[in-house]
C-alpha atoms as a PDB file:
ATOM      1  CA  UNK A   1    -140.260 -84.109 -35.102  1.00  0.00           C
ATOM      2  CA  UNK A   2    -140.471 -87.762 -35.347  1.00  0.00           C
ATOM      3  CA  UNK A   3    -139.486 -89.318 -38.709  1.00  0.00           C
ATOM      4  CA  UNK A   4    -141.997 -89.974 -41.198  1.00  0.00           C
ATOM      5  CA  UNK A   5    -142.185 -93.736 -42.003  1.00  0.00           C
ATOM      6  CA  UNK A   6    -143.020 -95.184 -45.633  1.00  0.00           C
ATOM      7  CA  UNK A   7    -146.620 -96.908 -45.886  1.00  0.00           C
ATOM      8  CA  UNK A   8    -145.088-100.420 -47.153  1.00  0.00           C
ATOM      9  CA  UNK A   9    -148.412-101.429 -48.728  1.00  0.00           C
ATOM     10  CA  UNK A  10    -148.042 -98.183 -50.854  1.00  0.00           C
ATOM     11  CA  UNK A  11    -144.381 -98.768 -51.589  1.00  0.00           C
ATOM     12  CA  UNK A  12    -144.933-102.011 -53.090  1.00  0.00           C
ATOM     13  CA  UNK A  13    -147.884-100.808 -55.297  1.00  0.00           C
ATOM     14  CA  UNK A  14    -146.410 -97.297 -56.518  1.00  0.00           C
ATOM     15  CA  UNK A  15    -143.086 -96.073 -57.459  1.00  0.00           C
ATOM     16  CA  UNK A  16    -141.602 -92.653 -58.389  1.00  0.00           C
ATOM     17  CA  UNK A  17    -140.093 -92.168 -61.958  1.00  0.00           C
ATOM     18  CA  UNK A  18    -137.106 -89.995 -62.381  1.00  0.00           C
ATOM     19  CA  UNK A  19    -139.222 -87.169 -63.403  1.00  0.00           C
ATOM     20  CA  UNK A  20    -141.284 -87.276 -60.127  1.00  0.00           C
ATOM     21  CA  UNK A  21    -144.548 -88.646 -61.788  1.00  0.00           C
ATOM     22  CA  UNK A  22    -146.056 -91.795 -59.653  1.00  0.00           C
ATOM     23  CA  UNK A  23    -146.905 -94.817 -61.450  1.00  0.00           C
ATOM     24  CA  UNK A  24    -148.528 -98.077 -60.771  1.00  0.00           C
ATOM     25  CA  UNK A  25    -149.340-101.367 -62.379  1.00  0.00           C
ATOM     26  CA  UNK A  26    -152.579-102.612 -63.711  1.00  0.00           C
ATOM     27  CA  UNK A  27    -154.776-104.629 -61.217  1.00  0.00           C
ATOM     28  CA  UNK A  28    -156.383-108.133 -61.861  1.00  0.00           C
ATOM     29  CA  UNK A  29    -153.208-109.529 -63.262  1.00  0.00           C
ATOM     30  CA  UNK A  30    -152.999-112.387 -60.764  1.00  0.00           C
ATOM     31  CA  UNK A  31    -155.898-114.906 -60.906  1.00  0.00           C
ATOM     32  CA  UNK A  32    -157.241-116.548 -64.171  1.00  0.00           C
ATOM     33  CA  UNK A  33    -154.711-115.408 -66.351  1.00  0.00           C
ATOM     34  CA  UNK A  34    -155.468-118.256 -68.733  1.00  0.00           C
ATOM     35  CA  UNK A  35    -159.199-117.041 -69.261  1.00  0.00           C
ATOM     36  CA  UNK A  36    -158.004-113.570 -70.199  1.00  0.00           C
ATOM     37  CA  UNK A  37    -157.537-112.311 -73.658  1.00  0.00           C
ATOM     38  CA  UNK A  38    -154.155-111.790 -74.706  1.00  0.00           C
ATOM     39  CA  UNK A  39    -154.291-108.202 -75.126  1.00  0.00           C
ATOM     40  CA  UNK A  40    -155.516-107.739 -71.742  1.00  0.00           C
ATOM     41  CA  UNK A  41    -152.737-109.942 -70.310  1.00  0.00           C
ATOM     42  CA  UNK A  42    -150.156-107.879 -72.348  1.00  0.00           C
ATOM     43  CA  UNK A  43    -151.525-104.754 -70.807  1.00  0.00           C
ATOM     44  CA  UNK A  44    -151.042-106.048 -67.126  1.00  0.00           C
ATOM     45  CA  UNK A  45    -147.242-105.810 -67.596  1.00  0.00           C
ATOM     46  CA  UNK A  46    -147.181-101.993 -68.355  1.00  0.00           C
ATOM     47  CA  UNK A  47    -147.551 -99.068 -66.032  1.00  0.00           C
ATOM     48  CA  UNK A  48    -149.987 -96.511 -65.796  1.00  0.00           C
ATOM     49  CA  UNK A  49    -149.469 -92.988 -64.331  1.00  0.00           C
ATOM     50  CA  UNK A  50    -151.816 -92.364 -61.037  1.00  0.00           C
ATOM     51  CA  UNK A  51    -154.885 -89.956 -61.368  1.00  0.00           C
ATOM     52  CA  UNK A  52    -153.844 -86.765 -60.723  1.00  0.00           C
ATOM     53  CA  UNK A  53    -156.392 -86.305 -57.911  1.00  0.00           C
ATOM     54  CA  UNK A  54    -154.737 -89.470 -55.911  1.00  0.00           C
ATOM     55  CA  UNK A  55    -151.153 -88.104 -56.465  1.00  0.00           C
ATOM     56  CA  UNK A  56    -150.825 -86.020 -53.374  1.00  0.00           C
ATOM     57  CA  UNK A  57    -152.313 -88.946 -51.191  1.00  0.00           C
ATOM     58  CA  UNK A  58    -149.844 -91.469 -52.402  1.00  0.00           C
ATOM     59  CA  UNK A  59    -147.041 -89.041 -52.256  1.00  0.00           C
ATOM     60  CA  UNK A  60    -147.434 -88.475 -48.627  1.00  0.00           C
ATOM     61  CA  UNK A  61    -147.717 -92.263 -48.002  1.00  0.00           C
ATOM     62  CA  UNK A  62    -144.298 -92.660 -49.657  1.00  0.00           C
ATOM     63  CA  UNK A  63    -142.959 -89.687 -47.867  1.00  0.00           C
ATOM     64  CA  UNK A  64    -140.345 -91.629 -45.739  1.00  0.00           C
ATOM     65  CA  UNK A  65    -138.642 -92.935 -48.506  1.00  0.00           C
END
């Protein structure tokens, strides 16, 4: 069987924690940050767990890591 390759777009957006959870950053954090409220911009710096329905799909994309 050929090796599984990592989907590089997914690898830059998601990461796997030590416990096996898949986490992502919040979107909309690059453009027009001056106009956004302070609590919103603080929230962009945090990670959030991927929805359970999307986790198997993302896991398959990251299979080559």
